[in-house]
C-alpha atoms as a PDB file:
ATOM      1  CA  UNK A   1     -20.527   6.232   0.090  1.00  0.00           C
ATOM      2  CA  UNK A   2     -19.559   7.523   3.519  1.00  0.00           C
ATOM      3  CA  UNK A   3     -21.419  10.515   4.901  1.00  0.00           C
ATOM      4  CA  UNK A   4     -19.892  13.610   6.501  1.00  0.00           C
ATOM      5  CA  UNK A   5     -20.600  12.306  10.004  1.00  0.00           C
ATOM      6  CA  UNK A   6     -18.775   9.046   9.199  1.00  0.00           C
ATOM      7  CA  UNK A   7     -15.783  10.962   7.908  1.00  0.00           C
ATOM      8  CA  UNK A   8     -15.712  13.037  11.079  1.00  0.00           C
ATOM      9  CA  UNK A   9     -15.515   9.811  13.090  1.00  0.00           C
ATOM     10  CA  UNK A  10     -12.896   8.197  10.853  1.00  0.00           C
ATOM     11  CA  UNK A  11      -9.754   7.033  12.665  1.00  0.00           C
ATOM     12  CA  UNK A  12      -6.972   8.483  10.563  1.00  0.00           C
ATOM     13  CA  UNK A  13      -3.288   7.981  11.281  1.00  0.00           C
ATOM     14  CA  UNK A  14      -1.790  11.345  12.132  1.00  0.00           C
ATOM     15  CA  UNK A  15       1.742  12.638  11.811  1.00  0.00           C
ATOM     16  CA  UNK A  16       2.058  12.747  15.609  1.00  0.00           C
ATOM     17  CA  UNK A  17       1.106   9.088  16.114  1.00  0.00           C
ATOM     18  CA  UNK A  18       3.954   6.786  17.117  1.00  0.00           C
ATOM     19  CA  UNK A  19       4.314   4.015  14.551  1.00  0.00           C
ATOM     20  CA  UNK A  20       6.449   1.002  13.903  1.00  0.00           C
ATOM     21  CA  UNK A  21       8.759   2.787  11.483  1.00  0.00           C
ATOM     22  CA  UNK A  22       8.750  -0.207   9.157  1.00  0.00           C
ATOM     23  CA  UNK A  23       5.170  -1.493   8.893  1.00  0.00           C
ATOM     24  CA  UNK A  24       3.344   1.603  10.153  1.00  0.00           C
ATOM     25  CA  UNK A  25       1.255  -0.040  12.867  1.00  0.00           C
ATOM     26  CA  UNK A  26       0.227   2.454  15.539  1.00  0.00           C
ATOM     27  CA  UNK A  27       1.923   1.717  18.856  1.00  0.00           C
ATOM     28  CA  UNK A  28       1.481   2.923  22.424  1.00  0.00           C
ATOM     29  CA  UNK A  29       5.153   3.824  22.672  1.00  0.00           C
ATOM     30  CA  UNK A  30       6.026   7.352  23.639  1.00  0.00           C
ATOM     31  CA  UNK A  31       9.371   8.443  22.257  1.00  0.00           C
ATOM     32  CA  UNK A  32      10.989  11.712  21.278  1.00  0.00           C
ATOM     33  CA  UNK A  33      10.568  12.842  17.689  1.00  0.00           C
ATOM     34  CA  UNK A  34      14.185  12.123  16.816  1.00  0.00           C
ATOM     35  CA  UNK A  35      13.816   8.513  18.047  1.00  0.00           C
ATOM     36  CA  UNK A  36      10.696   7.682  16.019  1.00  0.00           C
ATOM     37  CA  UNK A  37      12.735   6.031  13.291  1.00  0.00           C
ATOM     38  CA  UNK A  38      13.949   3.458  15.843  1.00  0.00           C
ATOM     39  CA  UNK A  39      10.486   2.151  16.833  1.00  0.00           C
ATOM     40  CA  UNK A  40       9.870  -1.429  15.670  1.00  0.00           C
ATOM     41  CA  UNK A  41       7.047  -3.872  16.376  1.00  0.00           C
ATOM     42  CA  UNK A  42       9.349  -6.764  15.304  1.00  0.00           C
ATOM     43  CA  UNK A  43       6.417  -8.616  13.677  1.00  0.00           C
ATOM     44  CA  UNK A  44       7.367  -7.178  10.286  1.00  0.00           C
ATOM     45  CA  UNK A  45      11.102  -7.939  10.459  1.00  0.00           C
ATOM     46  CA  UNK A  46      10.922 -10.469   7.616  1.00  0.00           C
ATOM     47  CA  UNK A  47       8.846  -8.288   5.282  1.00  0.00           C
ATOM     48  CA  UNK A  48      10.612  -7.144   2.132  1.00  0.00           C
ATOM     49  CA  UNK A  49       9.423  -3.542   2.020  1.00  0.00           C
ATOM     50  CA  UNK A  50      11.346  -0.736   3.710  1.00  0.00           C
ATOM     51  CA  UNK A  51       8.361   1.140   5.132  1.00  0.00           C
ATOM     52  CA  UNK A  52       4.566   0.881   4.902  1.00  0.00           C
ATOM     53  CA  UNK A  53       1.997   3.524   5.754  1.00  0.00           C
ATOM     54  CA  UNK A  54      -1.798   3.793   5.638  1.00  0.00           C
ATOM     55  CA  UNK A  55      -4.175   6.729   5.800  1.00  0.00           C
ATOM     56  CA  UNK A  56      -6.172   5.162   8.621  1.00  0.00           C
ATOM     57  CA  UNK A  57      -7.960   2.097   9.946  1.00  0.00           C
ATOM     58  CA  UNK A  58     -10.150  -0.237   7.899  1.00  0.00           C
ATOM     59  CA  UNK A  59     -13.447   0.753   9.460  1.00  0.00           C
ATOM     60  CA  UNK A  60     -16.205   3.320   9.035  1.00  0.00           C
ATOM     61  CA  UNK A  61     -15.666   5.813   6.225  1.00  0.00           C
ATOM     62  CA  UNK A  62     -12.405   4.300   5.002  1.00  0.00           C
ATOM     63  CA  UNK A  63     -13.856   0.792   4.825  1.00  0.00           C
ATOM     64  CA  UNK A  64     -16.905   2.116   2.963  1.00  0.00           C
ATOM     65  CA  UNK A  65     -14.638   3.983   0.548  1.00  0.00           C
ATOM     66  CA  UNK A  66     -12.515   0.904  -0.156  1.00  0.00           C
ATOM     67  CA  UNK A  67     -15.567  -1.289  -0.755  1.00  0.00           C
ATOM     68  CA  UNK A  68     -17.101   1.329  -3.036  1.00  0.00           C
ATOM     69  CA  UNK A  69     -13.854   1.540  -4.986  1.00  0.00           C
ATOM     70  CA  UNK A  70     -14.016  -2.211  -5.654  1.00  0.00           C
ATOM     71  CA  UNK A  71     -17.406  -1.653  -7.313  1.00  0.00           C
ATOM     72  CA  UNK A  72     -17.022   1.736  -8.978  1.00  0.00           C
ATOM     73  CA  UNK A  73     -13.862   2.880 -10.795  1.00  0.00           C
ATOM     74  CA  UNK A  74     -13.722   6.332  -9.237  1.00  0.00           C
ATOM     75  CA  UNK A  75     -11.451   7.707  -6.523  1.00  0.00           C
ATOM     76  CA  UNK A  76     -13.058  10.465  -4.470  1.00  0.00           C
ATOM     77  CA  UNK A  77     -11.120  13.698  -3.839  1.00  0.00           C
ATOM     78  CA  UNK A  78     -10.978  13.060  -0.094  1.00  0.00           C
ATOM     79  CA  UNK A  79      -9.076   9.812  -0.611  1.00  0.00           C
ATOM     80  CA  UNK A  80      -6.697  11.535  -3.020  1.00  0.00           C
ATOM     81  CA  UNK A  81      -5.879  14.228  -0.475  1.00  0.00           C
ATOM     82  CA  UNK A  82      -5.415  11.670   2.310  1.00  0.00           C
ATOM     83  CA  UNK A  83      -2.982   9.692   0.169  1.00  0.00           C
ATOM     84  CA  UNK A  84      -1.066  12.811  -0.799  1.00  0.00           C
ATOM     85  CA  UNK A  85      -0.718  13.870   2.835  1.00  0.00           C
ATOM     86  CA  UNK A  86       0.808  10.492   3.769  1.00  0.00           C
ATOM     87  CA  UNK A  87       3.040  10.417   0.704  1.00  0.00           C
ATOM     88  CA  UNK A  88       4.532  13.751   1.708  1.00  0.00           C
ATOM     89  CA  UNK A  89       5.599  12.437   5.118  1.00  0.00           C
ATOM     90  CA  UNK A  90       8.939  10.817   5.858  1.00  0.00           C
ATOM     91  CA  UNK A  91      10.107   8.354   4.545  1.00  0.00           C
ATOM     92  CA  UNK A  92       7.609   8.055   1.671  1.00  0.00           C
ATOM     93  CA  UNK A  93       8.500  11.563   0.555  1.00  0.00           C
ATOM     94  CA  UNK A  94      11.756  10.218  -0.900  1.00  0.00           C
ATOM     95  CA  UNK A  95       9.988   7.934  -3.408  1.00  0.00           C
ATOM     96  CA  UNK A  96      10.881   8.466  -7.059  1.00  0.00           C
ATOM     97  CA  UNK A  97       8.267   6.394  -8.866  1.00  0.00           C
ATOM     98  CA  UNK A  98       4.763   5.046  -8.176  1.00  0.00           C
ATOM     99  CA  UNK A  99       3.780   1.452  -8.959  1.00  0.00           C
ATOM    100  CA  UNK A 100       0.365  -0.137  -8.251  1.00  0.00           C
ATOM    101  CA  UNK A 101       0.123  -3.699  -6.963  1.00  0.00           C
ATOM    102  CA  UNK A 102      -1.062  -5.563 -10.067  1.00  0.00           C
ATOM    103  CA  UNK A 103      -4.017  -7.907 -10.337  1.00  0.00           C
ATOM    104  CA  UNK A 104      -3.765 -11.075 -12.369  1.00  0.00           C
ATOM    105  CA  UNK A 105      -5.266 -10.459 -15.823  1.00  0.00           C
ATOM    106  CA  UNK A 106      -8.100 -12.926 -15.131  1.00  0.00           C
ATOM    107  CA  UNK A 107      -9.066 -11.142 -11.890  1.00  0.00           C
ATOM    108  CA  UNK A 108      -8.853  -7.747 -13.582  1.00  0.00           C
ATOM    109  CA  UNK A 109     -11.024  -9.026 -16.428  1.00  0.00           C
ATOM    110  CA  UNK A 110     -13.637 -10.180 -13.904  1.00  0.00           C
ATOM    111  CA  UNK A 111     -13.714  -6.829 -12.095  1.00  0.00           C
ATOM    112  CA  UNK A 112     -13.133  -4.623 -15.114  1.00  0.00           C
ATOM    113  CA  UNK A 113     -10.379  -2.572 -13.463  1.00  0.00           C
ATOM    114  CA  UNK A 114      -7.675  -2.649 -10.807  1.00  0.00           C
ATOM    115  CA  UNK A 115      -8.459  -0.356  -7.884  1.00  0.00           C
ATOM    116  CA  UNK A 116      -4.751  -0.057  -7.016  1.00  0.00           C
ATOM    117  CA  UNK A 117      -4.124   1.372 -10.492  1.00  0.00           C
ATOM    118  CA  UNK A 118      -6.884   3.952 -10.000  1.00  0.00           C
ATOM    119  CA  UNK A 119      -5.361   5.029  -6.683  1.00  0.00           C
ATOM    120  CA  UNK A 120      -1.862   5.136  -8.155  1.00  0.00           C
ATOM    121  CA  UNK A 121      -2.970   7.253 -11.102  1.00  0.00           C
ATOM    122  CA  UNK A 122      -4.602   9.814  -8.863  1.00  0.00           C
ATOM    123  CA  UNK A 123      -1.637   9.999  -6.522  1.00  0.00           C
ATOM    124  CA  UNK A 124       0.754  10.363  -9.456  1.00  0.00           C
ATOM    125  CA  UNK A 125      -1.362  13.207 -10.782  1.00  0.00           C
ATOM    126  CA  UNK A 126      -1.359  15.249  -7.586  1.00  0.00           C
ATOM    127  CA  UNK A 127       2.169  14.365  -6.433  1.00  0.00           C
ATOM    128  CA  UNK A 128       3.671  14.719  -9.927  1.00  0.00           C
ATOM    129  CA  UNK A 129       5.653  11.544  -9.440  1.00  0.00           C
ATOM    130  CA  UNK A 130       6.045   9.286 -12.498  1.00  0.00           C
ATOM    131  CA  UNK A 131       3.715   6.292 -12.713  1.00  0.00           C
ATOM    132  CA  UNK A 132       4.712   2.838 -13.936  1.00  0.00           C
ATOM    133  CA  UNK A 133       1.735   0.524 -14.518  1.00  0.00           C
ATOM    134  CA  UNK A 134       3.492  -2.090 -16.616  1.00  0.00           C
ATOM    135  CA  UNK A 135       6.843  -3.157 -15.148  1.00  0.00           C
ATOM    136  CA  UNK A 136       5.352  -5.394 -12.428  1.00  0.00           C
ATOM    137  CA  UNK A 137       2.934  -8.175 -13.335  1.00  0.00           C
ATOM    138  CA  UNK A 138       1.048 -10.747 -11.331  1.00  0.00           C
ATOM    139  CA  UNK A 139       1.933 -14.015 -12.983  1.00  0.00           C
ATOM    140  CA  UNK A 140       0.050 -16.386 -10.664  1.00  0.00           C
ATOM    141  CA  UNK A 141      -3.738 -16.278 -10.295  1.00  0.00           C
ATOM    142  CA  UNK A 142      -3.960 -16.831  -6.532  1.00  0.00           C
ATOM    143  CA  UNK A 143      -7.082 -17.615  -4.574  1.00  0.00           C
ATOM    144  CA  UNK A 144      -8.874 -14.688  -3.003  1.00  0.00           C
ATOM    145  CA  UNK A 145      -7.789 -13.901   0.530  1.00  0.00           C
ATOM    146  CA  UNK A 146     -10.685 -14.802   2.782  1.00  0.00           C
ATOM    147  CA  UNK A 147     -11.566 -13.587   6.236  1.00  0.00           C
ATOM    148  CA  UNK A 148     -10.020 -15.997   8.690  1.00  0.00           C
ATOM    149  CA  UNK A 149      -6.898 -16.745   6.650  1.00  0.00           C
ATOM    150  CA  UNK A 150      -3.899 -16.315   8.915  1.00  0.00           C
ATOM    151  CA  UNK A 151      -0.669 -14.598   7.972  1.00  0.00           C
ATOM    152  CA  UNK A 152       1.076 -17.845   7.020  1.00  0.00           C
ATOM    153  CA  UNK A 153      -1.744 -18.894   4.680  1.00  0.00           C
ATOM    154  CA  UNK A 154      -1.815 -15.470   3.048  1.00  0.00           C
ATOM    155  CA  UNK A 155       1.932 -15.526   2.500  1.00  0.00           C
ATOM    156  CA  UNK A 156       1.819 -19.012   1.014  1.00  0.00           C
ATOM    157  CA  UNK A 157      -0.959 -17.926  -1.351  1.00  0.00           C
ATOM    158  CA  UNK A 158       1.116 -15.113  -2.887  1.00  0.00           C
ATOM    159  CA  UNK A 159       4.553 -16.768  -2.867  1.00  0.00           C
ATOM    160  CA  UNK A 160       6.218 -16.098  -6.229  1.00  0.00           C
ATOM    161  CA  UNK A 161       3.118 -14.330  -7.548  1.00  0.00           C
ATOM    162  CA  UNK A 162       4.881 -11.245  -8.952  1.00  0.00           C
ATOM    163  CA  UNK A 163       7.486 -10.637 -11.623  1.00  0.00           C
ATOM    164  CA  UNK A 164       9.238  -7.551 -12.985  1.00  0.00           C
ATOM    165  CA  UNK A 165       9.433  -7.269 -16.771  1.00  0.00           C
ATOM    166  CA  UNK A 166      11.299  -3.991 -17.214  1.00  0.00           C
ATOM    167  CA  UNK A 167      14.169  -4.110 -14.745  1.00  0.00           C
ATOM    168  CA  UNK A 168      15.925  -1.088 -16.219  1.00  0.00           C
ATOM    169  CA  UNK A 169      13.037   1.165 -15.145  1.00  0.00           C
ATOM    170  CA  UNK A 170      13.262  -0.129 -11.554  1.00  0.00           C
ATOM    171  CA  UNK A 171      16.950  -0.572 -10.872  1.00  0.00           C
ATOM    172  CA  UNK A 172      18.291   1.722  -8.181  1.00  0.00           C
ATOM    173  CA  UNK A 173      15.034   3.634  -7.786  1.00  0.00           C
ATOM    174  CA  UNK A 174      12.938   4.282  -4.683  1.00  0.00           C
ATOM    175  CA  UNK A 175       9.513   2.809  -5.413  1.00  0.00           C
ATOM    176  CA  UNK A 176       6.188   3.724  -3.826  1.00  0.00           C
ATOM    177  CA  UNK A 177       3.923   0.675  -4.053  1.00  0.00           C
ATOM    178  CA  UNK A 178       0.179   1.388  -3.944  1.00  0.00           C
ATOM    179  CA  UNK A 179      -2.640  -0.901  -2.774  1.00  0.00           C
ATOM    180  CA  UNK A 180      -6.038  -0.412  -1.151  1.00  0.00           C
ATOM    181  CA  UNK A 181      -5.762  -2.303   2.167  1.00  0.00           C
ATOM    182  CA  UNK A 182      -2.875  -3.564   4.294  1.00  0.00           C
ATOM    183  CA  UNK A 183      -3.996  -6.667   6.178  1.00  0.00           C
ATOM    184  CA  UNK A 184      -1.049  -8.915   7.035  1.00  0.00           C
ATOM    185  CA  UNK A 185       1.389  -7.294   4.635  1.00  0.00           C
ATOM    186  CA  UNK A 186       1.781 -10.558   2.698  1.00  0.00           C
ATOM    187  CA  UNK A 187       0.869  -9.208  -0.739  1.00  0.00           C
ATOM    188  CA  UNK A 188       2.877  -5.988  -0.597  1.00  0.00           C
ATOM    189  CA  UNK A 189       5.848  -7.812   0.928  1.00  0.00           C
ATOM    190  CA  UNK A 190       5.879 -10.351  -1.895  1.00  0.00           C
ATOM    191  CA  UNK A 191       5.568  -7.594  -4.486  1.00  0.00           C
ATOM    192  CA  UNK A 192       8.358  -5.654  -2.770  1.00  0.00           C
ATOM    193  CA  UNK A 193      10.544  -8.771  -2.865  1.00  0.00           C
ATOM    194  CA  UNK A 194      10.143  -8.973  -6.645  1.00  0.00           C
ATOM    195  CA  UNK A 195      11.040  -5.291  -6.950  1.00  0.00           C
ATOM    196  CA  UNK A 196      14.099  -5.709  -4.724  1.00  0.00           C
ATOM    197  CA  UNK A 197      15.198  -8.725  -6.774  1.00  0.00           C
ATOM    198  CA  UNK A 198      14.945  -6.490  -9.852  1.00  0.00           C
ATOM    199  CA  UNK A 199      17.266  -3.961  -8.240  1.00  0.00           C
ATOM    200  CA  UNK A 200      14.931  -1.437  -6.627  1.00  0.00           C
ATOM    201  CA  UNK A 201      16.824   0.715  -4.144  1.00  0.00           C
ATOM    202  CA  UNK A 202      13.951   1.069  -1.659  1.00  0.00           C
ATOM    203  CA  UNK A 203      10.326  -0.043  -1.666  1.00  0.00           C
ATOM    204  CA  UNK A 204       7.753   1.915   0.314  1.00  0.00           C
ATOM    205  CA  UNK A 205       4.063   0.984   0.603  1.00  0.00           C
ATOM    206  CA  UNK A 206       1.018   3.233   0.802  1.00  0.00           C
ATOM    207  CA  UNK A 207      -2.526   1.970   1.330  1.00  0.00           C
ATOM    208  CA  UNK A 208      -5.841   3.627   2.037  1.00  0.00           C
ATOM    209  CA  UNK A 209      -6.386   1.599   5.190  1.00  0.00           C
ATOM    210  CA  UNK A 210      -4.900  -1.075   7.385  1.00  0.00           C
ATOM    211  CA  UNK A 211      -7.011  -3.849   8.848  1.00  0.00           C
END
């Protein structure tokens, strides 16, 4: 677990940071507040989600928290409050339903739980948004993403991995997709594509950290 000093040093993404409005990467651009929605890094143009945000960078306290969450099925109150703060910012504040990125049943059986589900449950509790844990499934047991895999390899590994079983609960709705870490965006983009194919109106992404 991260100590108080580590949390003090954590690099969180603040509401005044200038971001790529789509993927949420922090940029050095300096624009007026009313022009923030026009900022684009262009690297995420082909991604299927409408906007992605993270609480902070995958280092220090946030990295320790994510790794601990993979071992212990408990979400600390600090993470819950960080997620809620991001969810209440534009454009994620327009989401109507929360959906966790699913694990394949074999992977979930190995681990004993899905950390994205734990995060989604806690956020649903404090935000009072409805939670849907069952409409999206991971139908392909993909290999684990390893350090050193480039964006293309990650995207190939998750191609066609997700399916939506209950389209009527998704159609026309603005979905907030929850995962623990945003690395290349491959997984959440593929999951968002399945949701869009099922008729979702918008798909937003919220993660604890971005690598």
